[in-house]
Structure formats: C-alpha cells, structure tokens
Amino acid sequence: MNYLLLLATEVPRTVEWGPQVAIVMILCNVVAIAIGKAFMRDVGARPTLAPQFKEFFGGMGWPALLATTSLGHIFGIGTILGLANFGML
C-alpha cells in the first residue's frame, strides 16, 4: 500500500487545458496535415470526405485525415508536455 502512495506523489503535475494549449495542439495538427499532404502517396483515398470539407483539406480522404491528425496529436502531446516542462505554458 505504501508503494502506491509513493507512486502517486511522484506523478508530475500537467498543465491545465486552456487557450494556449489549444493553440499549440491546433498548430501541431496543421503541421502534421502539411507533412502528410507532402509525403503521402494517395491522399485522396476512399472513403472521401464531404465536398465542403474535401475542398478545405485539399482533397484528402478519411484515411489521410485520420492518419495526419493522429500524428498531429502525438506531436501536440510532446510539444505541450515539453513547453510545460520548460515553464512556457
């Protein structure tokens, strides 16, 4: 039981969600979408997005959009934790 209490005290405090954290996450997702559009072979793979979203995302299909935003969230988590560790968030 004492080990559980010791582990609970060693967990670092993370940053609260706010506008700064949201901006960092959005920017990381935009960067990941740009990287995906530059390096993916078949960005417009089926199933496709609705026409209004397809124009906004430059002809991306669902697989490409989900892949790039997943990568963007991984970038975002690392960036947010890194900036919080340096005291910038």
PDB file of N, CA and C in Angstrom:
ATOM      1  N   MET A   1       0.827  -1.197   0.000  1.00  0.00           N
ATOM      2  CA  MET A   1       0.000   0.000   0.000  1.00  0.00           C
ATOM      3  C   MET A   1       0.865   1.253   0.000  1.00  0.00           C
ATOM      4  N   ASN A   2       1.979   1.211   0.719  1.00  0.00           N
ATOM      5  CA  ASN A   2       2.856   2.382   0.769  1.00  0.00           C
ATOM      6  C   ASN A   2       3.470   2.679  -0.592  1.00  0.00           C
ATOM      7  N   TYR A   3       3.663   1.624  -1.401  1.00  0.00           N
ATOM      8  CA  TYR A   3       4.232   1.829  -2.730  1.00  0.00           C
ATOM      9  C   TYR A   3       3.281   2.625  -3.616  1.00  0.00           C
ATOM     10  N   LEU A   4       1.983   2.380  -3.487  1.00  0.00           N
ATOM     11  CA  LEU A   4       1.001   3.111  -4.278  1.00  0.00           C
ATOM     12  C   LEU A   4       0.991   4.589  -3.913  1.00  0.00           C
ATOM     13  N   LEU A   5       1.093   4.883  -2.646  1.00  0.00           N
ATOM     14  CA  LEU A   5       1.148   6.278  -2.224  1.00  0.00           C
ATOM     15  C   LEU A   5       2.425   6.954  -2.700  1.00  0.00           C
ATOM     16  N   LEU A   6       3.514   6.235  -2.688  1.00  0.00           N
ATOM     17  CA  LEU A   6       4.772   6.781  -3.175  1.00  0.00           C
ATOM     18  C   LEU A   6       4.693   7.077  -4.669  1.00  0.00           C
ATOM     19  N   LEU A   7       4.113   6.156  -5.425  1.00  0.00           N
ATOM     20  CA  LEU A   7       3.958   6.380  -6.860  1.00  0.00           C
ATOM     21  C   LEU A   7       3.028   7.547  -7.158  1.00  0.00           C
ATOM     22  N   ALA A   8       1.991   7.717  -6.375  1.00  0.00           N
ATOM     23  CA  ALA A   8       1.046   8.814  -6.591  1.00  0.00           C
ATOM     24  C   ALA A   8       1.693  10.165  -6.332  1.00  0.00           C
ATOM     25  N   THR A   9       2.655  10.228  -5.434  1.00  0.00           N
ATOM     26  CA  THR A   9       3.310  11.504  -5.151  1.00  0.00           C
ATOM     27  C   THR A   9       4.359  11.845  -6.199  1.00  0.00           C
ATOM     28  N   GLU A  10       4.808  10.865  -6.976  1.00  0.00           N
ATOM     29  CA  GLU A  10       5.856  11.096  -7.963  1.00  0.00           C
ATOM     30  C   GLU A  10       5.325  11.472  -9.340  1.00  0.00           C
ATOM     31  N   VAL A  11       4.012  11.486  -9.534  1.00  0.00           N
ATOM     32  CA  VAL A  11       3.435  11.837 -10.831  1.00  0.00           C
ATOM     33  C   VAL A  11       3.565  13.341 -11.032  1.00  0.00           C
ATOM     34  N   PRO A  12       4.192  13.778 -12.133  1.00  0.00           N
ATOM     35  CA  PRO A  12       4.346  15.217 -12.345  1.00  0.00           C
ATOM     36  C   PRO A  12       3.001  15.876 -12.648  1.00  0.00           C
ATOM     37  N   ARG A  13       2.873  17.106 -12.237  1.00  0.00           N
ATOM     38  CA  ARG A  13       1.645  17.856 -12.492  1.00  0.00           C
ATOM     39  C   ARG A  13       1.657  18.321 -13.942  1.00  0.00           C
ATOM     40  N   THR A  14       0.558  18.097 -14.640  1.00  0.00           N
ATOM     41  CA  THR A  14       0.472  18.514 -16.030  1.00  0.00           C
ATOM     42  C   THR A  14      -0.241  19.859 -16.120  1.00  0.00           C
ATOM     43  N   VAL A  15      -0.131  20.470 -17.262  1.00  0.00           N
ATOM     44  CA  VAL A  15      -0.699  21.797 -17.463  1.00  0.00           C
ATOM     45  C   VAL A  15      -2.213  21.690 -17.655  1.00  0.00           C
ATOM     46  N   GLU A  16      -2.944  22.676 -17.171  1.00  0.00           N
ATOM     47  CA  GLU A  16      -4.398  22.730 -17.331  1.00  0.00           C
ATOM     48  C   GLU A  16      -4.738  23.069 -18.777  1.00  0.00           C
ATOM     49  N   TRP A  17      -5.877  22.564 -19.259  1.00  0.00           N
ATOM     50  CA  TRP A  17      -6.315  22.864 -20.614  1.00  0.00           C
ATOM     51  C   TRP A  17      -6.765  24.314 -20.674  1.00  0.00           C
ATOM     52  N   GLY A  18      -6.332  25.027 -21.710  1.00  0.00           N
ATOM     53  CA  GLY A  18      -6.708  26.413 -21.891  1.00  0.00           C
ATOM     54  C   GLY A  18      -6.456  26.846 -23.321  1.00  0.00           C
ATOM     55  N   PRO A  19      -6.652  28.129 -23.608  1.00  0.00           N
ATOM     56  CA  PRO A  19      -6.468  28.620 -24.972  1.00  0.00           C
ATOM     57  C   PRO A  19      -5.051  28.419 -25.504  1.00  0.00           C
ATOM     58  N   GLN A  20      -4.044  28.574 -24.672  1.00  0.00           N
ATOM     59  CA  GLN A  20      -2.663  28.387 -25.128  1.00  0.00           C
ATOM     60  C   GLN A  20      -2.410  26.931 -25.518  1.00  0.00           C
ATOM     61  N   VAL A  21      -2.920  26.008 -24.738  1.00  0.00           N
ATOM     62  CA  VAL A  21      -2.750  24.588 -25.036  1.00  0.00           C
ATOM     63  C   VAL A  21      -3.505  24.238 -26.320  1.00  0.00           C
ATOM     64  N   ALA A  22      -4.692  24.799 -26.490  1.00  0.00           N
ATOM     65  CA  ALA A  22      -5.481  24.538 -27.697  1.00  0.00           C
ATOM     66  C   ALA A  22      -4.767  25.059 -28.941  1.00  0.00           C
ATOM     67  N   ILE A  23      -4.169  26.236 -28.851  1.00  0.00           N
ATOM     68  CA  ILE A  23      -3.447  26.806 -29.997  1.00  0.00           C
ATOM     69  C   ILE A  23      -2.260  25.931 -30.369  1.00  0.00           C
ATOM     70  N   VAL A  24      -1.536  25.443 -29.373  1.00  0.00           N
ATOM     71  CA  VAL A  24      -0.393  24.565 -29.644  1.00  0.00           C
ATOM     72  C   VAL A  24      -0.861  23.286 -30.332  1.00  0.00           C
ATOM     73  N   MET A  25      -1.969  22.693 -29.857  1.00  0.00           N
ATOM     74  CA  MET A  25      -2.483  21.464 -30.455  1.00  0.00           C
ATOM     75  C   MET A  25      -2.954  21.707 -31.884  1.00  0.00           C
ATOM     76  N   ILE A  26      -3.624  22.814 -32.129  1.00  0.00           N
ATOM     77  CA  ILE A  26      -4.085  23.127 -33.483  1.00  0.00           C
ATOM     78  C   ILE A  26      -2.897  23.313 -34.417  1.00  0.00           C
ATOM     79  N   LEU A  27      -1.881  24.037 -33.977  1.00  0.00           N
ATOM     80  CA  LEU A  27      -0.698  24.244 -34.818  1.00  0.00           C
ATOM     81  C   LEU A  27       0.018  22.932 -35.115  1.00  0.00           C
ATOM     82  N   CYS A  28       0.098  22.049 -34.147  1.00  0.00           N
ATOM     83  CA  CYS A  28       0.730  20.746 -34.378  1.00  0.00           C
ATOM     84  C   CYS A  28      -0.064  19.921 -35.380  1.00  0.00           C
ATOM     85  N   ASN A  29      -1.388  19.999 -35.327  1.00  0.00           N
ATOM     86  CA  ASN A  29      -2.208  19.279 -36.294  1.00  0.00           C
ATOM     87  C   ASN A  29      -2.077  19.869 -37.693  1.00  0.00           C
ATOM     88  N   VAL A  30      -1.986  21.183 -37.798  1.00  0.00           N
ATOM     89  CA  VAL A  30      -1.790  21.819 -39.112  1.00  0.00           C
ATOM     90  C   VAL A  30      -0.453  21.402 -39.710  1.00  0.00           C
ATOM     91  N   VAL A  31       0.585  21.366 -38.894  1.00  0.00           N
ATOM     92  CA  VAL A  31       1.905  20.925 -39.367  1.00  0.00           C
ATOM     93  C   VAL A  31       1.848  19.461 -39.816  1.00  0.00           C
ATOM     94  N   ALA A  32       1.167  18.612 -39.054  1.00  0.00           N
ATOM     95  CA  ALA A  32       1.067  17.201 -39.420  1.00  0.00           C
ATOM     96  C   ALA A  32       0.277  17.013 -40.711  1.00  0.00           C
ATOM     97  N   ILE A  33      -0.777  17.789 -40.916  1.00  0.00           N
ATOM     98  CA  ILE A  33      -1.537  17.710 -42.163  1.00  0.00           C
ATOM     99  C   ILE A  33      -0.673  18.142 -43.332  1.00  0.00           C
ATOM    100  N   ALA A  34       0.109  19.199 -43.150  1.00  0.00           N
ATOM    101  CA  ALA A  34       1.012  19.649 -44.227  1.00  0.00           C
ATOM    102  C   ALA A  34       2.063  18.585 -44.547  1.00  0.00           C
ATOM    103  N   ILE A  35       2.617  17.968 -43.522  1.00  0.00           N
ATOM    104  CA  ILE A  35       3.603  16.893 -43.740  1.00  0.00           C
ATOM    105  C   ILE A  35       2.945  15.717 -44.466  1.00  0.00           C
ATOM    106  N   GLY A  36       1.736  15.349 -44.047  1.00  0.00           N
ATOM    107  CA  GLY A  36       1.035  14.242 -44.679  1.00  0.00           C
ATOM    108  C   GLY A  36       0.712  14.513 -46.133  1.00  0.00           C
ATOM    109  N   LYS A  37       0.264  15.731 -46.434  1.00  0.00           N
ATOM    110  CA  LYS A  37      -0.046  16.061 -47.821  1.00  0.00           C
ATOM    111  C   LYS A  37       1.207  16.075 -48.683  1.00  0.00           C
ATOM    112  N   ALA A  38       2.345  16.400 -48.089  1.00  0.00           N
ATOM    113  CA  ALA A  38       3.595  16.447 -48.854  1.00  0.00           C
ATOM    114  C   ALA A  38       4.175  15.061 -49.108  1.00  0.00           C
ATOM    115  N   PHE A  39       3.974  14.125 -48.191  1.00  0.00           N
ATOM    116  CA  PHE A  39       4.671  12.844 -48.287  1.00  0.00           C
ATOM    117  C   PHE A  39       3.777  11.634 -48.531  1.00  0.00           C
ATOM    118  N   MET A  40       2.473  11.762 -48.419  1.00  0.00           N
ATOM    119  CA  MET A  40       1.589  10.615 -48.657  1.00  0.00           C
ATOM    120  C   MET A  40       1.422  10.387 -50.154  1.00  0.00           C
ATOM    121  N   ARG A  41       1.354   9.122 -50.522  1.00  0.00           N
ATOM    122  CA  ARG A  41       1.227   8.768 -51.929  1.00  0.00           C
ATOM    123  C   ARG A  41      -0.197   8.980 -52.435  1.00  0.00           C
ATOM    124  N   ASP A  42      -1.196   8.510 -51.688  1.00  0.00           N
ATOM    125  CA  ASP A  42      -2.582   8.601 -52.130  1.00  0.00           C
ATOM    126  C   ASP A  42      -3.391   9.338 -51.072  1.00  0.00           C
ATOM    127  N   VAL A  43      -3.354  10.653 -51.134  1.00  0.00           N
ATOM    128  CA  VAL A  43      -4.022  11.482 -50.125  1.00  0.00           C
ATOM    129  C   VAL A  43      -5.540  11.400 -50.269  1.00  0.00           C
ATOM    130  N   GLY A  44      -6.037  11.214 -51.471  1.00  0.00           N
ATOM    131  CA  GLY A  44      -7.471  11.205 -51.708  1.00  0.00           C
ATOM    132  C   GLY A  44      -8.099   9.830 -51.687  1.00  0.00           C
ATOM    133  N   ALA A  45      -7.546   8.902 -50.913  1.00  0.00           N
ATOM    134  CA  ALA A  45      -8.077   7.530 -50.866  1.00  0.00           C
ATOM    135  C   ALA A  45      -9.502   7.523 -50.320  1.00  0.00           C
ATOM    136  N   ARG A  46     -10.251   6.534 -50.761  1.00  0.00           N
ATOM    137  CA  ARG A  46     -11.639   6.412 -50.315  1.00  0.00           C
ATOM    138  C   ARG A  46     -11.697   5.801 -48.927  1.00  0.00           C
ATOM    139  N   PRO A  47     -12.688   6.069 -48.142  1.00  0.00           N
ATOM    140  CA  PRO A  47     -13.845   6.913 -48.373  1.00  0.00           C
ATOM    141  C   PRO A  47     -13.466   8.388 -48.302  1.00  0.00           C
ATOM    142  N   THR A  48     -14.109   9.170 -49.132  1.00  0.00           N
ATOM    143  CA  THR A  48     -13.776  10.584 -49.224  1.00  0.00           C
ATOM    144  C   THR A  48     -14.595  11.387 -48.216  1.00  0.00           C
ATOM    145  N   LEU A  49     -14.113  12.570 -47.956  1.00  0.00           N
ATOM    146  CA  LEU A  49     -14.821  13.490 -47.072  1.00  0.00           C
ATOM    147  C   LEU A  49     -15.999  14.113 -47.809  1.00  0.00           C
ATOM    148  N   ALA A  50     -16.869  14.766 -47.079  1.00  0.00           N
ATOM    149  CA  ALA A  50     -17.955  15.525 -47.694  1.00  0.00           C
ATOM    150  C   ALA A  50     -17.343  16.633 -48.551  1.00  0.00           C
ATOM    151  N   PRO A  51     -18.017  17.042 -49.626  1.00  0.00           N
ATOM    152  CA  PRO A  51     -17.432  18.016 -50.554  1.00  0.00           C
ATOM    153  C   PRO A  51     -16.954  19.314 -49.905  1.00  0.00           C
ATOM    154  N   GLN A  52     -17.685  19.852 -48.932  1.00  0.00           N
ATOM    155  CA  GLN A  52     -17.259  21.112 -48.312  1.00  0.00           C
ATOM    156  C   GLN A  52     -15.979  20.930 -47.497  1.00  0.00           C
ATOM    157  N   PHE A  53     -15.793  19.759 -46.897  1.00  0.00           N
ATOM    158  CA  PHE A  53     -14.575  19.503 -46.132  1.00  0.00           C
ATOM    159  C   PHE A  53     -13.431  19.077 -47.040  1.00  0.00           C
ATOM    160  N   LYS A  54     -13.764  18.402 -48.130  1.00  0.00           N
ATOM    161  CA  LYS A  54     -12.737  17.932 -49.055  1.00  0.00           C
ATOM    162  C   LYS A  54     -11.984  19.117 -49.658  1.00  0.00           C
ATOM    163  N   GLU A  55     -12.703  20.189 -49.989  1.00  0.00           N
ATOM    164  CA  GLU A  55     -12.046  21.386 -50.512  1.00  0.00           C
ATOM    165  C   GLU A  55     -11.184  22.046 -49.439  1.00  0.00           C
ATOM    166  N   PHE A  56     -11.681  22.065 -48.205  1.00  0.00           N
ATOM    167  CA  PHE A  56     -10.946  22.708 -47.112  1.00  0.00           C
ATOM    168  C   PHE A  56      -9.642  21.983 -46.812  1.00  0.00           C
ATOM    169  N   PHE A  57      -9.669  20.648 -46.864  1.00  0.00           N
ATOM    170  CA  PHE A  57      -8.476  19.863 -46.564  1.00  0.00           C
ATOM    171  C   PHE A  57      -7.688  19.488 -47.811  1.00  0.00           C
ATOM    172  N   GLY A  58      -7.964  20.102 -48.932  1.00  0.00           N
ATOM    173  CA  GLY A  58      -7.161  19.900 -50.130  1.00  0.00           C
ATOM    174  C   GLY A  58      -7.309  18.536 -50.771  1.00  0.00           C
ATOM    175  N   GLY A  59      -8.530  17.989 -50.783  1.00  0.00           N
ATOM    176  CA  GLY A  59      -8.769  16.725 -51.446  1.00  0.00           C
ATOM    177  C   GLY A  59      -8.408  15.495 -50.640  1.00  0.00           C
ATOM    178  N   MET A  60      -8.240  15.626 -49.342  1.00  0.00           N
ATOM    179  CA  MET A  60      -7.892  14.472 -48.510  1.00  0.00           C
ATOM    180  C   MET A  60      -9.105  13.581 -48.300  1.00  0.00           C
ATOM    181  N   GLY A  61      -8.864  12.288 -48.208  1.00  0.00           N
ATOM    182  CA  GLY A  61      -9.895  11.336 -47.839  1.00  0.00           C
ATOM    183  C   GLY A  61      -9.847  11.076 -46.346  1.00  0.00           C
ATOM    184  N   TRP A  62     -10.801  10.281 -45.861  1.00  0.00           N
ATOM    185  CA  TRP A  62     -10.845   9.956 -44.434  1.00  0.00           C
ATOM    186  C   TRP A  62      -9.571   9.290 -43.926  1.00  0.00           C
ATOM    187  N   PRO A  63      -8.999   8.315 -44.649  1.00  0.00           N
ATOM    188  CA  PRO A  63      -7.786   7.674 -44.129  1.00  0.00           C
ATOM    189  C   PRO A  63      -6.632   8.659 -43.933  1.00  0.00           C
ATOM    190  N   ALA A  64      -6.440   9.549 -44.890  1.00  0.00           N
ATOM    191  CA  ALA A  64      -5.353  10.517 -44.776  1.00  0.00           C
ATOM    192  C   ALA A  64      -5.611  11.528 -43.663  1.00  0.00           C
ATOM    193  N   LEU A  65      -6.873  11.968 -43.544  1.00  0.00           N
ATOM    194  CA  LEU A  65      -7.206  12.929 -42.494  1.00  0.00           C
ATOM    195  C   LEU A  65      -7.020  12.326 -41.109  1.00  0.00           C
ATOM    196  N   LEU A  66      -7.490  11.099 -40.915  1.00  0.00           N
ATOM    197  CA  LEU A  66      -7.332  10.455 -39.613  1.00  0.00           C
ATOM    198  C   LEU A  66      -5.865  10.167 -39.293  1.00  0.00           C
ATOM    199  N   ALA A  67      -5.105   9.773 -40.296  1.00  0.00           N
ATOM    200  CA  ALA A  67      -3.684   9.495 -40.069  1.00  0.00           C
ATOM    201  C   ALA A  67      -2.921  10.760 -39.704  1.00  0.00           C
ATOM    202  N   THR A  68      -3.166  11.842 -40.436  1.00  0.00           N
ATOM    203  CA  THR A  68      -2.409  13.066 -40.165  1.00  0.00           C
ATOM    204  C   THR A  68      -2.811  13.713 -38.848  1.00  0.00           C
ATOM    205  N   THR A  69      -4.102  13.673 -38.511  1.00  0.00           N
ATOM    206  CA  THR A  69      -4.489  14.268 -37.229  1.00  0.00           C
ATOM    207  C   THR A  69      -4.057  13.404 -36.049  1.00  0.00           C
ATOM    208  N   SER A  70      -3.953  12.086 -36.254  1.00  0.00           N
ATOM    209  CA  SER A  70      -3.390  11.237 -35.199  1.00  0.00           C
ATOM    210  C   SER A  70      -1.930  11.591 -34.956  1.00  0.00           C
ATOM    211  N   LEU A  71      -1.189  11.762 -36.044  1.00  0.00           N
ATOM    212  CA  LEU A  71       0.206  12.186 -35.915  1.00  0.00           C
ATOM    213  C   LEU A  71       0.294  13.575 -35.282  1.00  0.00           C
ATOM    214  N   GLY A  72      -0.628  14.451 -35.647  1.00  0.00           N
ATOM    215  CA  GLY A  72      -0.651  15.792 -35.060  1.00  0.00           C
ATOM    216  C   GLY A  72      -0.892  15.772 -33.566  1.00  0.00           C
ATOM    217  N   HIS A  73      -1.733  14.864 -33.099  1.00  0.00           N
ATOM    218  CA  HIS A  73      -1.965  14.764 -31.663  1.00  0.00           C
ATOM    219  C   HIS A  73      -0.739  14.207 -30.942  1.00  0.00           C
ATOM    220  N   ILE A  74      -0.019  13.306 -31.583  1.00  0.00           N
ATOM    221  CA  ILE A  74       1.226  12.816 -30.981  1.00  0.00           C
ATOM    222  C   ILE A  74       2.236  13.954 -30.886  1.00  0.00           C
ATOM    223  N   PHE A  75       2.377  14.732 -31.972  1.00  0.00           N
ATOM    224  CA  PHE A  75       3.251  15.917 -31.928  1.00  0.00           C
ATOM    225  C   PHE A  75       2.785  16.881 -30.844  1.00  0.00           C
ATOM    226  N   GLY A  76       1.467  17.085 -30.752  1.00  0.00           N
ATOM    227  CA  GLY A  76       0.910  18.033 -29.791  1.00  0.00           C
ATOM    228  C   GLY A  76       1.167  17.634 -28.358  1.00  0.00           C
ATOM    229  N   ILE A  77       1.000  16.355 -28.057  1.00  0.00           N
ATOM    230  CA  ILE A  77       1.250  15.881 -26.689  1.00  0.00           C
ATOM    231  C   ILE A  77       2.699  16.150 -26.293  1.00  0.00           C
ATOM    232  N   GLY A  78       3.616  15.800 -27.166  1.00  0.00           N
ATOM    233  CA  GLY A  78       5.031  16.026 -26.878  1.00  0.00           C
ATOM    234  C   GLY A  78       5.366  17.495 -26.738  1.00  0.00           C
ATOM    235  N   THR A  79       4.809  18.306 -27.623  1.00  0.00           N
ATOM    236  CA  THR A  79       5.081  19.749 -27.584  1.00  0.00           C
ATOM    237  C   THR A  79       4.506  20.381 -26.333  1.00  0.00           C
ATOM    238  N   ILE A  80       3.272  20.028 -25.980  1.00  0.00           N
ATOM    239  CA  ILE A  80       2.630  20.606 -24.795  1.00  0.00           C
ATOM    240  C   ILE A  80       3.367  20.194 -23.528  1.00  0.00           C
ATOM    241  N   LEU A  81       3.724  18.916 -23.421  1.00  0.00           N
ATOM    242  CA  LEU A  81       4.465  18.476 -22.231  1.00  0.00           C
ATOM    243  C   LEU A  81       5.843  19.112 -22.163  1.00  0.00           C
ATOM    244  N   GLY A  82       6.499  19.252 -23.315  1.00  0.00           N
ATOM    245  CA  GLY A  82       7.813  19.898 -23.343  1.00  0.00           C
ATOM    246  C   GLY A  82       7.747  21.358 -22.962  1.00  0.00           C
ATOM    247  N   LEU A  83       6.778  22.087 -23.529  1.00  0.00           N
ATOM    248  CA  LEU A  83       6.638  23.502 -23.192  1.00  0.00           C
ATOM    249  C   LEU A  83       6.239  23.692 -21.731  1.00  0.00           C
ATOM    250  N   ALA A  84       5.389  22.801 -21.219  1.00  0.00           N
ATOM    251  CA  ALA A  84       5.008  22.889 -19.815  1.00  0.00           C
ATOM    252  C   ALA A  84       6.197  22.601 -18.902  1.00  0.00           C
ATOM    253  N   ASN A  85       7.053  21.675 -19.314  1.00  0.00           N
ATOM    254  CA  ASN A  85       8.234  21.343 -18.524  1.00  0.00           C
ATOM    255  C   ASN A  85       9.211  22.519 -18.460  1.00  0.00           C
ATOM    256  N   PHE A  86       9.280  23.280 -19.552  1.00  0.00           N
ATOM    257  CA  PHE A  86      10.162  24.452 -19.584  1.00  0.00           C
ATOM    258  C   PHE A  86       9.497  25.686 -18.973  1.00  0.00           C
ATOM    259  N   GLY A  87       8.243  25.575 -18.562  1.00  0.00           N
ATOM    260  CA  GLY A  87       7.539  26.685 -17.946  1.00  0.00           C
ATOM    261  C   GLY A  87       6.998  27.699 -18.928  1.00  0.00           C
ATOM    262  N   MET A  88       6.843  27.297 -20.186  1.00  0.00           N
ATOM    263  CA  MET A  88       6.373  28.229 -21.205  1.00  0.00           C
ATOM    264  C   MET A  88       4.859  28.162 -21.380  1.00  0.00           C
ATOM    265  N   LEU A  89       4.200  27.192 -20.786  1.00  0.00           N
ATOM    266  CA  LEU A  89       2.731  27.105 -20.831  1.00  0.00           C
ATOM    267  C   LEU A  89       2.185  27.169 -19.423  1.00  0.00           C
TER     268      LEU A  89
END
